[in-house]
C-alpha atoms as a PDB file:
ATOM      1  CA  UNK A   1      40.291 -36.246 -96.345  1.00  0.00           C
ATOM      2  CA  UNK A   2      42.974 -38.287 -95.011  1.00  0.00           C
ATOM      3  CA  UNK A   3      46.647 -38.724 -95.801  1.00  0.00           C
ATOM      4  CA  UNK A   4      49.325 -41.020 -95.022  1.00  0.00           C
ATOM      5  CA  UNK A   5      53.243 -40.394 -94.371  1.00  0.00           C
ATOM      6  CA  UNK A   6      55.446 -40.683 -97.548  1.00  0.00           C
ATOM      7  CA  UNK A   7      57.804 -43.451 -96.576  1.00  0.00           C
ATOM      8  CA  UNK A   8      61.417 -42.629 -95.805  1.00  0.00           C
ATOM      9  CA  UNK A   9      64.610 -43.900 -95.101  1.00  0.00           C
ATOM     10  CA  UNK A  10      66.785 -42.647 -92.017  1.00  0.00           C
ATOM     11  CA  UNK A  11      70.002 -44.231 -90.673  1.00  0.00           C
ATOM     12  CA  UNK A  12      70.001 -44.776 -87.436  1.00  0.00           C
ATOM     13  CA  UNK A  13      72.630 -45.650 -84.670  1.00  0.00           C
ATOM     14  CA  UNK A  14      71.291 -47.756 -81.297  1.00  0.00           C
ATOM     15  CA  UNK A  15      73.409 -46.305 -78.523  1.00  0.00           C
ATOM     16  CA  UNK A  16      75.728 -48.316 -76.977  1.00  0.00           C
ATOM     17  CA  UNK A  17      74.375 -51.120 -78.662  1.00  0.00           C
ATOM     18  CA  UNK A  18      77.376 -52.765 -80.979  1.00  0.00           C
ATOM     19  CA  UNK A  19      80.792 -52.175 -81.863  1.00  0.00           C
ATOM     20  CA  UNK A  20      80.452 -49.972 -85.212  1.00  0.00           C
ATOM     21  CA  UNK A  21      79.569 -46.673 -84.630  1.00  0.00           C
ATOM     22  CA  UNK A  22      78.615 -44.736 -87.469  1.00  0.00           C
ATOM     23  CA  UNK A  23      80.526 -42.166 -89.566  1.00  0.00           C
ATOM     24  CA  UNK A  24      77.684 -39.247 -89.488  1.00  0.00           C
ATOM     25  CA  UNK A  25      77.629 -40.343 -85.600  1.00  0.00           C
ATOM     26  CA  UNK A  26      81.492 -39.619 -85.165  1.00  0.00           C
ATOM     27  CA  UNK A  27      81.288 -36.328 -87.111  1.00  0.00           C
ATOM     28  CA  UNK A  28      78.254 -34.397 -85.006  1.00  0.00           C
ATOM     29  CA  UNK A  29      80.440 -35.708 -82.244  1.00  0.00           C
ATOM     30  CA  UNK A  30      83.206 -33.952 -83.829  1.00  0.00           C
ATOM     31  CA  UNK A  31      80.702 -30.561 -84.429  1.00  0.00           C
ATOM     32  CA  UNK A  32      79.187 -30.697 -81.296  1.00  0.00           C
ATOM     33  CA  UNK A  33      75.834 -31.041 -82.566  1.00  0.00           C
ATOM     34  CA  UNK A  34      75.165 -34.756 -79.954  1.00  0.00           C
ATOM     35  CA  UNK A  35      77.542 -34.026 -77.117  1.00  0.00           C
ATOM     36  CA  UNK A  36      77.867 -37.367 -74.755  1.00  0.00           C
ATOM     37  CA  UNK A  37      78.176 -36.996 -70.471  1.00  0.00           C
ATOM     38  CA  UNK A  38      78.085 -39.816 -68.149  1.00  0.00           C
ATOM     39  CA  UNK A  39      74.920 -39.569 -65.993  1.00  0.00           C
ATOM     40  CA  UNK A  40      75.383 -40.180 -62.582  1.00  0.00           C
ATOM     41  CA  UNK A  41      72.948 -41.522 -59.460  1.00  0.00           C
ATOM     42  CA  UNK A  42      72.748 -37.426 -58.692  1.00  0.00           C
ATOM     43  CA  UNK A  43      71.950 -36.376 -62.470  1.00  0.00           C
ATOM     44  CA  UNK A  44      68.701 -35.511 -63.068  1.00  0.00           C
ATOM     45  CA  UNK A  45      69.140 -37.348 -66.067  1.00  0.00           C
ATOM     46  CA  UNK A  46      68.644 -40.402 -64.506  1.00  0.00           C
ATOM     47  CA  UNK A  47      66.798 -42.555 -64.851  1.00  0.00           C
ATOM     48  CA  UNK A  48      67.457 -45.598 -62.357  1.00  0.00           C
ATOM     49  CA  UNK A  49      68.219 -47.989 -64.262  1.00  0.00           C
ATOM     50  CA  UNK A  50      71.608 -47.975 -66.004  1.00  0.00           C
ATOM     51  CA  UNK A  51      74.260 -45.309 -64.041  1.00  0.00           C
ATOM     52  CA  UNK A  52      77.177 -46.747 -65.611  1.00  0.00           C
ATOM     53  CA  UNK A  53      75.692 -45.899 -69.550  1.00  0.00           C
ATOM     54  CA  UNK A  54      76.502 -42.933 -70.917  1.00  0.00           C
ATOM     55  CA  UNK A  55      73.480 -40.689 -72.116  1.00  0.00           C
ATOM     56  CA  UNK A  56      73.622 -37.731 -75.195  1.00  0.00           C
ATOM     57  CA  UNK A  57      72.040 -34.020 -75.772  1.00  0.00           C
ATOM     58  CA  UNK A  58      71.361 -33.881 -79.338  1.00  0.00           C
ATOM     59  CA  UNK A  59      70.903 -29.726 -80.422  1.00  0.00           C
ATOM     60  CA  UNK A  60      69.916 -28.485 -83.659  1.00  0.00           C
ATOM     61  CA  UNK A  61      70.600 -25.231 -84.304  1.00  0.00           C
ATOM     62  CA  UNK A  62      67.983 -23.971 -82.003  1.00  0.00           C
ATOM     63  CA  UNK A  63      65.927 -26.991 -80.901  1.00  0.00           C
ATOM     64  CA  UNK A  64      65.499 -27.867 -77.622  1.00  0.00           C
ATOM     65  CA  UNK A  65      67.439 -30.403 -76.517  1.00  0.00           C
ATOM     66  CA  UNK A  66      67.326 -34.022 -76.060  1.00  0.00           C
ATOM     67  CA  UNK A  67      68.622 -36.717 -73.664  1.00  0.00           C
ATOM     68  CA  UNK A  68      69.207 -39.764 -75.694  1.00  0.00           C
ATOM     69  CA  UNK A  69      69.311 -43.481 -72.966  1.00  0.00           C
ATOM     70  CA  UNK A  70      71.770 -46.424 -72.971  1.00  0.00           C
ATOM     71  CA  UNK A  71      69.551 -48.658 -75.904  1.00  0.00           C
ATOM     72  CA  UNK A  72      67.581 -45.591 -76.945  1.00  0.00           C
ATOM     73  CA  UNK A  73      67.894 -44.649 -81.148  1.00  0.00           C
ATOM     74  CA  UNK A  74      69.050 -41.574 -82.708  1.00  0.00           C
ATOM     75  CA  UNK A  75      67.864 -41.562 -86.269  1.00  0.00           C
ATOM     76  CA  UNK A  76      69.752 -39.472 -88.202  1.00  0.00           C
ATOM     77  CA  UNK A  77      67.351 -36.956 -90.577  1.00  0.00           C
ATOM     78  CA  UNK A  78      67.895 -36.839 -95.111  1.00  0.00           C
ATOM     79  CA  UNK A  79      68.399 -33.056 -93.659  1.00  0.00           C
ATOM     80  CA  UNK A  80      71.330 -33.788 -91.521  1.00  0.00           C
ATOM     81  CA  UNK A  81      68.840 -33.200 -88.308  1.00  0.00           C
ATOM     82  CA  UNK A  82      68.619 -35.709 -85.011  1.00  0.00           C
ATOM     83  CA  UNK A  83      65.853 -37.170 -83.610  1.00  0.00           C
ATOM     84  CA  UNK A  84      65.779 -39.601 -80.984  1.00  0.00           C
ATOM     85  CA  UNK A  85      63.754 -42.251 -80.659  1.00  0.00           C
ATOM     86  CA  UNK A  86      63.153 -44.583 -77.452  1.00  0.00           C
ATOM     87  CA  UNK A  87      64.378 -48.245 -78.434  1.00  0.00           C
ATOM     88  CA  UNK A  88      59.971 -49.197 -76.903  1.00  0.00           C
ATOM     89  CA  UNK A  89      58.486 -47.086 -79.674  1.00  0.00           C
ATOM     90  CA  UNK A  90      61.307 -48.173 -82.699  1.00  0.00           C
ATOM     91  CA  UNK A  91      59.767 -50.878 -83.654  1.00  0.00           C
ATOM     92  CA  UNK A  92      56.352 -50.016 -83.183  1.00  0.00           C
ATOM     93  CA  UNK A  93      57.528 -47.184 -85.268  1.00  0.00           C
ATOM     94  CA  UNK A  94      60.021 -47.471 -88.367  1.00  0.00           C
ATOM     95  CA  UNK A  95      60.817 -50.846 -90.421  1.00  0.00           C
ATOM     96  CA  UNK A  96      64.589 -51.957 -90.000  1.00  0.00           C
ATOM     97  CA  UNK A  97      65.480 -52.317 -93.548  1.00  0.00           C
END
């Protein structure tokens, strides 16, 4: 048997790109579901490319935190949780509507 994942529309925000920050992102910052911090060259999260960029750690209940790098996508699920998608995979996995 085979199956296909049902298409679901998600809201997204590309971190560090553009001027408009969605309300759900700001709400998540306010309630500490998403936290921002600066990445310095001595940080374990430094990827060697953008030391001046900020990164985000998202926490959904008891799940392991995820690091969001500059230009990565934060996906806002229908149930209010968040997912992270690297920039190089976003257009492969998702269609912009």
